[in-house]
């Protein structure tokens, strides 16, 4: 039932995300507890799981520079397979970042967002379900060397009257949830949250949890009215000769 209050909540990691034993070797005892959206594996590299859809290439914890300080999961989307001829390597660092400016799934979710705001939330069901259906069909890419699934994947489309009550409030929540899953790690979420008006709340909720796990986040906070923008660099202010006004709070 997607209308439960817990829908969209975080799974609480009571062991702490800096505990390598929790994720090492894909830890079936932990990852087997839940049903997972395939987009987790499209987004996060887990030690012991195949890397970049290659069952013969297993991501290892030694691929993390300092997991105790920064966490043991690795961002997948922008990093290439080591065998790709697109890989750029200069001796100690490498990457290949072909940036997508706009994805079709993002356009579908924008459409749903607009329809909901126009009180046409019933029309928003189709584009949202199209995104979920694609996610469900992507699980075939996420397999081990023996052909079994890397994790227990499960995604259903929204079925009004069967697994949800499709009203305006739920449609809005569903759109935000799909956006969070689909665009994770792509640098979009900050701007989406700002547009929706819940940036301060979500950022500070995140910092409240993470600052207890990582010392370098001890003083992290989001200040509304200031942190939506970076300051204009001081040199630029000087060169502008009074024609610029510094952003608020700086």
C-alpha atoms as a PDB file:
ATOM      1  CA  UNK A   1       0.000   0.000   0.000  1.00  0.00           C
ATOM      2  CA  UNK A   2       1.835   3.084  -1.251  1.00  0.00           C
ATOM      3  CA  UNK A   3      -0.421   5.366   0.808  1.00  0.00           C
ATOM      4  CA  UNK A   4       1.130   4.216   4.089  1.00  0.00           C
ATOM      5  CA  UNK A   5       2.762   7.004   6.064  1.00  0.00           C
ATOM      6  CA  UNK A   6       6.083   5.146   5.860  1.00  0.00           C
ATOM      7  CA  UNK A   7       6.154   5.210   2.043  1.00  0.00           C
ATOM      8  CA  UNK A   8       9.202   7.125   0.894  1.00  0.00           C
ATOM      9  CA  UNK A   9      10.911   7.014   4.289  1.00  0.00           C
ATOM     10  CA  UNK A  10      14.551   6.085   4.694  1.00  0.00           C
ATOM     11  CA  UNK A  11      15.508   2.605   5.859  1.00  0.00           C
ATOM     12  CA  UNK A  12      17.228   3.298   9.167  1.00  0.00           C
ATOM     13  CA  UNK A  13      20.780   1.978   9.269  1.00  0.00           C
ATOM     14  CA  UNK A  14      21.221   1.500  13.002  1.00  0.00           C
ATOM     15  CA  UNK A  15      24.763   0.175  12.564  1.00  0.00           C
ATOM     16  CA  UNK A  16      25.969   3.427  11.025  1.00  0.00           C
ATOM     17  CA  UNK A  17      26.918   3.959   7.390  1.00  0.00           C
ATOM     18  CA  UNK A  18      30.630   3.937   8.271  1.00  0.00           C
ATOM     19  CA  UNK A  19      30.452   0.242   9.227  1.00  0.00           C
ATOM     20  CA  UNK A  20      32.128  -1.711   6.404  1.00  0.00           C
ATOM     21  CA  UNK A  21      30.781  -5.010   7.757  1.00  0.00           C
ATOM     22  CA  UNK A  22      27.303  -3.828   6.819  1.00  0.00           C
ATOM     23  CA  UNK A  23      28.048  -3.672   3.101  1.00  0.00           C
ATOM     24  CA  UNK A  24      31.193  -5.763   2.557  1.00  0.00           C
ATOM     25  CA  UNK A  25      30.790  -8.556  -0.015  1.00  0.00           C
ATOM     26  CA  UNK A  26      27.268  -7.418  -0.738  1.00  0.00           C
ATOM     27  CA  UNK A  27      26.216  -8.662   2.731  1.00  0.00           C
ATOM     28  CA  UNK A  28      23.202 -10.823   1.742  1.00  0.00           C
ATOM     29  CA  UNK A  29      21.975 -10.815   5.353  1.00  0.00           C
ATOM     30  CA  UNK A  30      21.424  -7.051   5.154  1.00  0.00           C
ATOM     31  CA  UNK A  31      20.522  -6.515   1.515  1.00  0.00           C
ATOM     32  CA  UNK A  32      18.309  -9.597   1.456  1.00  0.00           C
ATOM     33  CA  UNK A  33      16.026  -8.164   4.142  1.00  0.00           C
ATOM     34  CA  UNK A  34      14.236  -5.787   1.815  1.00  0.00           C
ATOM     35  CA  UNK A  35      12.795  -5.371  -1.643  1.00  0.00           C
ATOM     36  CA  UNK A  36      14.826  -2.798  -3.548  1.00  0.00           C
ATOM     37  CA  UNK A  37      14.121  -0.431  -6.375  1.00  0.00           C
ATOM     38  CA  UNK A  38      16.597  -1.273  -9.197  1.00  0.00           C
ATOM     39  CA  UNK A  39      17.564   2.385  -9.308  1.00  0.00           C
ATOM     40  CA  UNK A  40      19.520   1.866  -6.091  1.00  0.00           C
ATOM     41  CA  UNK A  41      21.929  -0.395  -7.983  1.00  0.00           C
ATOM     42  CA  UNK A  42      22.010   1.940 -10.981  1.00  0.00           C
ATOM     43  CA  UNK A  43      23.134   4.678  -8.593  1.00  0.00           C
ATOM     44  CA  UNK A  44      25.258   3.163  -5.807  1.00  0.00           C
ATOM     45  CA  UNK A  45      28.168   0.763  -6.134  1.00  0.00           C
ATOM     46  CA  UNK A  46      28.194  -1.743  -3.256  1.00  0.00           C
ATOM     47  CA  UNK A  47      31.329  -3.721  -2.308  1.00  0.00           C
ATOM     48  CA  UNK A  48      30.799  -7.281  -3.494  1.00  0.00           C
ATOM     49  CA  UNK A  49      28.315  -6.345  -6.229  1.00  0.00           C
ATOM     50  CA  UNK A  50      29.056  -6.264  -9.984  1.00  0.00           C
ATOM     51  CA  UNK A  51      30.298  -2.925 -11.313  1.00  0.00           C
ATOM     52  CA  UNK A  52      28.700  -1.240 -14.318  1.00  0.00           C
ATOM     53  CA  UNK A  53      26.543  -4.223 -15.332  1.00  0.00           C
ATOM     54  CA  UNK A  54      29.559  -6.539 -15.696  1.00  0.00           C
ATOM     55  CA  UNK A  55      29.028  -9.730 -13.615  1.00  0.00           C
ATOM     56  CA  UNK A  56      32.720 -10.517 -14.036  1.00  0.00           C
ATOM     57  CA  UNK A  57      33.880  -7.235 -12.506  1.00  0.00           C
ATOM     58  CA  UNK A  58      33.223  -7.032  -8.764  1.00  0.00           C
ATOM     59  CA  UNK A  59      33.471  -3.732  -6.960  1.00  0.00           C
ATOM     60  CA  UNK A  60      35.712  -4.025  -3.893  1.00  0.00           C
ATOM     61  CA  UNK A  61      35.888  -1.892  -0.766  1.00  0.00           C
ATOM     62  CA  UNK A  62      39.510  -1.022  -1.534  1.00  0.00           C
ATOM     63  CA  UNK A  63      38.097   1.052  -4.392  1.00  0.00           C
ATOM     64  CA  UNK A  64      36.952   3.535  -1.742  1.00  0.00           C
ATOM     65  CA  UNK A  65      39.643   5.978  -0.678  1.00  0.00           C
ATOM     66  CA  UNK A  66      38.489   6.306   2.931  1.00  0.00           C
ATOM     67  CA  UNK A  67      35.187   4.615   3.621  1.00  0.00           C
ATOM     68  CA  UNK A  68      35.226   5.297   7.348  1.00  0.00           C
ATOM     69  CA  UNK A  69      35.282   9.024   6.602  1.00  0.00           C
ATOM     70  CA  UNK A  70      33.198   9.234   3.439  1.00  0.00           C
ATOM     71  CA  UNK A  71      31.047   6.089   3.337  1.00  0.00           C
ATOM     72  CA  UNK A  72      31.449   2.721   1.607  1.00  0.00           C
ATOM     73  CA  UNK A  73      29.124   3.188  -1.362  1.00  0.00           C
ATOM     74  CA  UNK A  74      30.446   4.477  -4.698  1.00  0.00           C
ATOM     75  CA  UNK A  75      28.620   6.685  -7.175  1.00  0.00           C
ATOM     76  CA  UNK A  76      28.011   4.657 -10.332  1.00  0.00           C
ATOM     77  CA  UNK A  77      26.393   6.882 -12.920  1.00  0.00           C
ATOM     78  CA  UNK A  78      29.243   9.170 -13.930  1.00  0.00           C
ATOM     79  CA  UNK A  79      32.026   6.576 -13.697  1.00  0.00           C
ATOM     80  CA  UNK A  80      32.899   4.356 -16.695  1.00  0.00           C
ATOM     81  CA  UNK A  81      33.699   0.674 -16.959  1.00  0.00           C
ATOM     82  CA  UNK A  82      37.511   0.321 -16.829  1.00  0.00           C
ATOM     83  CA  UNK A  83      37.439  -1.429 -20.200  1.00  0.00           C
ATOM     84  CA  UNK A  84      35.661   1.435 -21.965  1.00  0.00           C
ATOM     85  CA  UNK A  85      37.653   3.102 -24.762  1.00  0.00           C
ATOM     86  CA  UNK A  86      36.140   6.380 -23.548  1.00  0.00           C
ATOM     87  CA  UNK A  87      38.204   6.262 -20.363  1.00  0.00           C
ATOM     88  CA  UNK A  88      40.560   9.185 -19.816  1.00  0.00           C
ATOM     89  CA  UNK A  89      43.574   8.413 -17.622  1.00  0.00           C
ATOM     90  CA  UNK A  90      46.499  10.626 -16.708  1.00  0.00           C
ATOM     91  CA  UNK A  91      48.394   8.445 -14.249  1.00  0.00           C
ATOM     92  CA  UNK A  92      46.545   8.872 -10.975  1.00  0.00           C
ATOM     93  CA  UNK A  93      43.068  10.029 -11.850  1.00  0.00           C
ATOM     94  CA  UNK A  94      40.630   9.016 -14.544  1.00  0.00           C
ATOM     95  CA  UNK A  95      37.078   9.557 -15.635  1.00  0.00           C
ATOM     96  CA  UNK A  96      34.823   9.962 -18.621  1.00  0.00           C
ATOM     97  CA  UNK A  97      31.906  12.256 -18.006  1.00  0.00           C
ATOM     98  CA  UNK A  98      29.513  12.562 -20.916  1.00  0.00           C
ATOM     99  CA  UNK A  99      26.984  14.860 -19.310  1.00  0.00           C
ATOM    100  CA  UNK A 100      23.322  14.569 -20.222  1.00  0.00           C
ATOM    101  CA  UNK A 101      21.720  17.978 -20.000  1.00  0.00           C
ATOM    102  CA  UNK A 102      18.146  16.671 -20.021  1.00  0.00           C
ATOM    103  CA  UNK A 103      16.892  13.084 -19.827  1.00  0.00           C
ATOM    104  CA  UNK A 104      13.554  11.928 -21.183  1.00  0.00           C
ATOM    105  CA  UNK A 105      12.550  10.588 -17.757  1.00  0.00           C
ATOM    106  CA  UNK A 106      13.164  14.046 -16.352  1.00  0.00           C
ATOM    107  CA  UNK A 107      10.880  15.537 -19.004  1.00  0.00           C
ATOM    108  CA  UNK A 108       8.163  13.037 -18.062  1.00  0.00           C
ATOM    109  CA  UNK A 109       8.432  14.000 -14.407  1.00  0.00           C
ATOM    110  CA  UNK A 110       8.352  17.697 -15.273  1.00  0.00           C
ATOM    111  CA  UNK A 111       5.167  17.029 -17.214  1.00  0.00           C
ATOM    112  CA  UNK A 112       3.665  15.232 -14.219  1.00  0.00           C
ATOM    113  CA  UNK A 113       4.691  18.076 -11.911  1.00  0.00           C
ATOM    114  CA  UNK A 114       2.979  20.667 -14.094  1.00  0.00           C
ATOM    115  CA  UNK A 115      -0.175  18.581 -14.473  1.00  0.00           C
ATOM    116  CA  UNK A 116      -0.472  18.153 -10.707  1.00  0.00           C
ATOM    117  CA  UNK A 117      -0.040  21.877 -10.157  1.00  0.00           C
ATOM    118  CA  UNK A 118      -2.816  22.471 -12.698  1.00  0.00           C
ATOM    119  CA  UNK A 119      -5.128  20.160 -10.693  1.00  0.00           C
ATOM    120  CA  UNK A 120      -4.967  17.545 -13.465  1.00  0.00           C
ATOM    121  CA  UNK A 121      -3.340  14.905 -11.273  1.00  0.00           C
ATOM    122  CA  UNK A 122      -5.156  12.021 -12.956  1.00  0.00           C
ATOM    123  CA  UNK A 123      -3.260  12.861 -16.150  1.00  0.00           C
ATOM    124  CA  UNK A 124       0.015  12.770 -14.191  1.00  0.00           C
ATOM    125  CA  UNK A 125      -0.390   9.053 -13.497  1.00  0.00           C
ATOM    126  CA  UNK A 126       0.671   7.939 -16.988  1.00  0.00           C
ATOM    127  CA  UNK A 127       4.042   9.755 -17.184  1.00  0.00           C
ATOM    128  CA  UNK A 128       4.939   8.755 -13.618  1.00  0.00           C
ATOM    129  CA  UNK A 129       4.071   5.119 -14.300  1.00  0.00           C
ATOM    130  CA  UNK A 130       6.104   5.229 -17.502  1.00  0.00           C
ATOM    131  CA  UNK A 131       9.164   6.094 -15.422  1.00  0.00           C
ATOM    132  CA  UNK A 132       8.408   3.328 -12.902  1.00  0.00           C
ATOM    133  CA  UNK A 133       7.795   0.779 -15.630  1.00  0.00           C
ATOM    134  CA  UNK A 134      11.176   1.526 -17.177  1.00  0.00           C
ATOM    135  CA  UNK A 135      12.809   1.088 -13.763  1.00  0.00           C
ATOM    136  CA  UNK A 136      11.104  -2.275 -13.271  1.00  0.00           C
ATOM    137  CA  UNK A 137      12.262  -3.474 -16.687  1.00  0.00           C
ATOM    138  CA  UNK A 138      15.861  -2.491 -15.947  1.00  0.00           C
ATOM    139  CA  UNK A 139      16.416  -5.255 -13.384  1.00  0.00           C
ATOM    140  CA  UNK A 140      17.596  -7.612 -16.139  1.00  0.00           C
ATOM    141  CA  UNK A 141      20.824  -5.600 -16.290  1.00  0.00           C
ATOM    142  CA  UNK A 142      21.544  -6.232 -12.612  1.00  0.00           C
ATOM    143  CA  UNK A 143      22.674  -9.847 -12.445  1.00  0.00           C
ATOM    144  CA  UNK A 144      25.490 -11.888 -10.932  1.00  0.00           C
ATOM    145  CA  UNK A 145      27.768 -14.259 -12.819  1.00  0.00           C
ATOM    146  CA  UNK A 146      25.354 -17.145 -12.135  1.00  0.00           C
ATOM    147  CA  UNK A 147      22.480 -15.200 -13.718  1.00  0.00           C
ATOM    148  CA  UNK A 148      20.624 -14.451 -10.485  1.00  0.00           C
ATOM    149  CA  UNK A 149      19.620 -10.941  -9.463  1.00  0.00           C
ATOM    150  CA  UNK A 150      22.138  -8.898  -7.516  1.00  0.00           C
ATOM    151  CA  UNK A 151      19.419  -7.911  -5.036  1.00  0.00           C
ATOM    152  CA  UNK A 152      15.725  -8.541  -4.469  1.00  0.00           C
ATOM    153  CA  UNK A 153      14.254  -5.992  -6.890  1.00  0.00           C
ATOM    154  CA  UNK A 154      10.618  -5.024  -6.942  1.00  0.00           C
ATOM    155  CA  UNK A 155       8.820  -2.050  -8.484  1.00  0.00           C
ATOM    156  CA  UNK A 156       5.125  -1.774  -9.277  1.00  0.00           C
ATOM    157  CA  UNK A 157       3.339   0.868 -11.242  1.00  0.00           C
ATOM    158  CA  UNK A 158       0.788   2.873  -9.285  1.00  0.00           C
ATOM    159  CA  UNK A 159      -2.662   1.276  -9.516  1.00  0.00           C
ATOM    160  CA  UNK A 160      -5.364   3.578  -8.127  1.00  0.00           C
ATOM    161  CA  UNK A 161      -7.844   1.686  -5.981  1.00  0.00           C
ATOM    162  CA  UNK A 162      -5.503  -1.300  -5.753  1.00  0.00           C
ATOM    163  CA  UNK A 163      -2.194  -0.199  -4.240  1.00  0.00           C
ATOM    164  CA  UNK A 164      -2.810   3.534  -3.754  1.00  0.00           C
ATOM    165  CA  UNK A 165      -5.422   6.264  -3.548  1.00  0.00           C
ATOM    166  CA  UNK A 166      -4.500   8.591  -6.384  1.00  0.00           C
ATOM    167  CA  UNK A 167      -5.413  12.069  -5.207  1.00  0.00           C
ATOM    168  CA  UNK A 168      -3.527  15.340  -5.609  1.00  0.00           C
ATOM    169  CA  UNK A 169      -1.483  14.976  -2.426  1.00  0.00           C
ATOM    170  CA  UNK A 170      -0.386  11.444  -3.230  1.00  0.00           C
ATOM    171  CA  UNK A 171       0.364  12.289  -6.864  1.00  0.00           C
ATOM    172  CA  UNK A 172       2.655  15.107  -5.701  1.00  0.00           C
ATOM    173  CA  UNK A 173       4.406  12.818  -3.235  1.00  0.00           C
ATOM    174  CA  UNK A 174       4.799  10.138  -5.916  1.00  0.00           C
ATOM    175  CA  UNK A 175       6.267  12.638  -8.386  1.00  0.00           C
ATOM    176  CA  UNK A 176       8.826  13.815  -5.827  1.00  0.00           C
ATOM    177  CA  UNK A 177       9.706  10.229  -4.912  1.00  0.00           C
ATOM    178  CA  UNK A 178      10.273   9.223  -8.530  1.00  0.00           C
ATOM    179  CA  UNK A 179      12.375  12.320  -9.073  1.00  0.00           C
ATOM    180  CA  UNK A 180      14.525  11.472  -6.074  1.00  0.00           C
ATOM    181  CA  UNK A 181      15.134   7.904  -7.236  1.00  0.00           C
ATOM    182  CA  UNK A 182      15.481   8.554 -10.950  1.00  0.00           C
ATOM    183  CA  UNK A 183      17.840  11.548 -10.751  1.00  0.00           C
ATOM    184  CA  UNK A 184      19.889  10.461  -7.732  1.00  0.00           C
ATOM    185  CA  UNK A 185      23.536  11.399  -8.048  1.00  0.00           C
ATOM    186  CA  UNK A 186      22.993  13.594 -11.106  1.00  0.00           C
ATOM    187  CA  UNK A 187      23.276  16.976  -9.382  1.00  0.00           C
ATOM    188  CA  UNK A 188      19.645  17.974  -9.838  1.00  0.00           C
ATOM    189  CA  UNK A 189      18.041  17.458  -6.431  1.00  0.00           C
ATOM    190  CA  UNK A 190      19.196  20.715  -4.818  1.00  0.00           C
ATOM    191  CA  UNK A 191      17.397  22.730  -7.480  1.00  0.00           C
ATOM    192  CA  UNK A 192      14.282  20.554  -7.405  1.00  0.00           C
ATOM    193  CA  UNK A 193      13.983  20.959  -3.633  1.00  0.00           C
ATOM    194  CA  UNK A 194      14.462  24.693  -3.980  1.00  0.00           C
ATOM    195  CA  UNK A 195      11.663  24.848  -6.552  1.00  0.00           C
ATOM    196  CA  UNK A 196       9.342  22.797  -4.335  1.00  0.00           C
ATOM    197  CA  UNK A 197      10.036  24.944  -1.267  1.00  0.00           C
ATOM    198  CA  UNK A 198      11.343  22.214   1.055  1.00  0.00           C
ATOM    199  CA  UNK A 199      15.090  22.670   0.550  1.00  0.00           C
ATOM    200  CA  UNK A 200      15.866  23.931   4.072  1.00  0.00           C
ATOM    201  CA  UNK A 201      13.868  21.190   5.797  1.00  0.00           C
ATOM    202  CA  UNK A 202      15.349  18.288   3.851  1.00  0.00           C
ATOM    203  CA  UNK A 203      18.936  19.558   3.878  1.00  0.00           C
ATOM    204  CA  UNK A 204      18.930  20.109   7.643  1.00  0.00           C
ATOM    205  CA  UNK A 205      17.243  16.751   8.300  1.00  0.00           C
ATOM    206  CA  UNK A 206      20.047  15.165   6.284  1.00  0.00           C
ATOM    207  CA  UNK A 207      22.750  17.072   8.158  1.00  0.00           C
ATOM    208  CA  UNK A 208      21.226  16.168  11.532  1.00  0.00           C
ATOM    209  CA  UNK A 209      21.774  12.477  10.798  1.00  0.00           C
ATOM    210  CA  UNK A 210      25.043  12.610   8.881  1.00  0.00           C
ATOM    211  CA  UNK A 211      26.912  14.896  11.300  1.00  0.00           C
ATOM    212  CA  UNK A 212      26.700  12.103  13.911  1.00  0.00           C
ATOM    213  CA  UNK A 213      28.515   9.754  11.516  1.00  0.00           C
ATOM    214  CA  UNK A 214      31.215  11.877   9.927  1.00  0.00           C
ATOM    215  CA  UNK A 215      33.350  14.376  11.831  1.00  0.00           C
ATOM    216  CA  UNK A 216      33.851  16.623   8.813  1.00  0.00           C
ATOM    217  CA  UNK A 217      30.109  17.327   8.770  1.00  0.00           C
ATOM    218  CA  UNK A 218      29.941  18.344  12.437  1.00  0.00           C
ATOM    219  CA  UNK A 219      29.137  21.990  11.684  1.00  0.00           C
ATOM    220  CA  UNK A 220      27.023  21.388   8.584  1.00  0.00           C
ATOM    221  CA  UNK A 221      23.803  23.373   8.368  1.00  0.00           C
ATOM    222  CA  UNK A 222      21.625  25.012   5.757  1.00  0.00           C
ATOM    223  CA  UNK A 223      20.623  28.639   6.308  1.00  0.00           C
ATOM    224  CA  UNK A 224      17.546  29.686   4.352  1.00  0.00           C
ATOM    225  CA  UNK A 225      17.872  33.003   2.578  1.00  0.00           C
ATOM    226  CA  UNK A 226      21.621  32.563   2.148  1.00  0.00           C
ATOM    227  CA  UNK A 227      22.611  29.048   1.137  1.00  0.00           C
ATOM    228  CA  UNK A 228      20.379  28.853  -1.927  1.00  0.00           C
ATOM    229  CA  UNK A 229      23.216  30.697  -3.709  1.00  0.00           C
ATOM    230  CA  UNK A 230      26.998  30.920  -3.517  1.00  0.00           C
ATOM    231  CA  UNK A 231      28.619  34.274  -2.789  1.00  0.00           C
ATOM    232  CA  UNK A 232      29.874  36.308  -5.724  1.00  0.00           C
ATOM    233  CA  UNK A 233      33.701  35.984  -5.608  1.00  0.00           C
ATOM    234  CA  UNK A 234      35.385  38.983  -3.997  1.00  0.00           C
ATOM    235  CA  UNK A 235      37.617  39.621  -7.005  1.00  0.00           C
ATOM    236  CA  UNK A 236      34.542  39.777  -9.222  1.00  0.00           C
ATOM    237  CA  UNK A 237      32.941  42.246  -6.828  1.00  0.00           C
ATOM    238  CA  UNK A 238      36.081  44.391  -7.045  1.00  0.00           C
ATOM    239  CA  UNK A 239      36.301  44.268 -10.834  1.00  0.00           C
ATOM    240  CA  UNK A 240      32.595  45.166 -11.137  1.00  0.00           C
ATOM    241  CA  UNK A 241      33.349  48.553  -9.508  1.00  0.00           C
ATOM    242  CA  UNK A 242      30.112  48.750  -7.586  1.00  0.00           C
ATOM    243  CA  UNK A 243      27.855  47.348 -10.315  1.00  0.00           C
ATOM    244  CA  UNK A 244      27.237  44.075  -8.462  1.00  0.00           C
ATOM    245  CA  UNK A 245      25.364  43.538  -5.210  1.00  0.00           C
ATOM    246  CA  UNK A 246      26.603  40.659  -3.078  1.00  0.00           C
ATOM    247  CA  UNK A 247      24.125  37.821  -2.525  1.00  0.00           C
ATOM    248  CA  UNK A 248      22.265  37.973   0.833  1.00  0.00           C
ATOM    249  CA  UNK A 249      24.056  36.686   3.917  1.00  0.00           C
ATOM    250  CA  UNK A 250      27.623  37.115   2.661  1.00  0.00           C
END
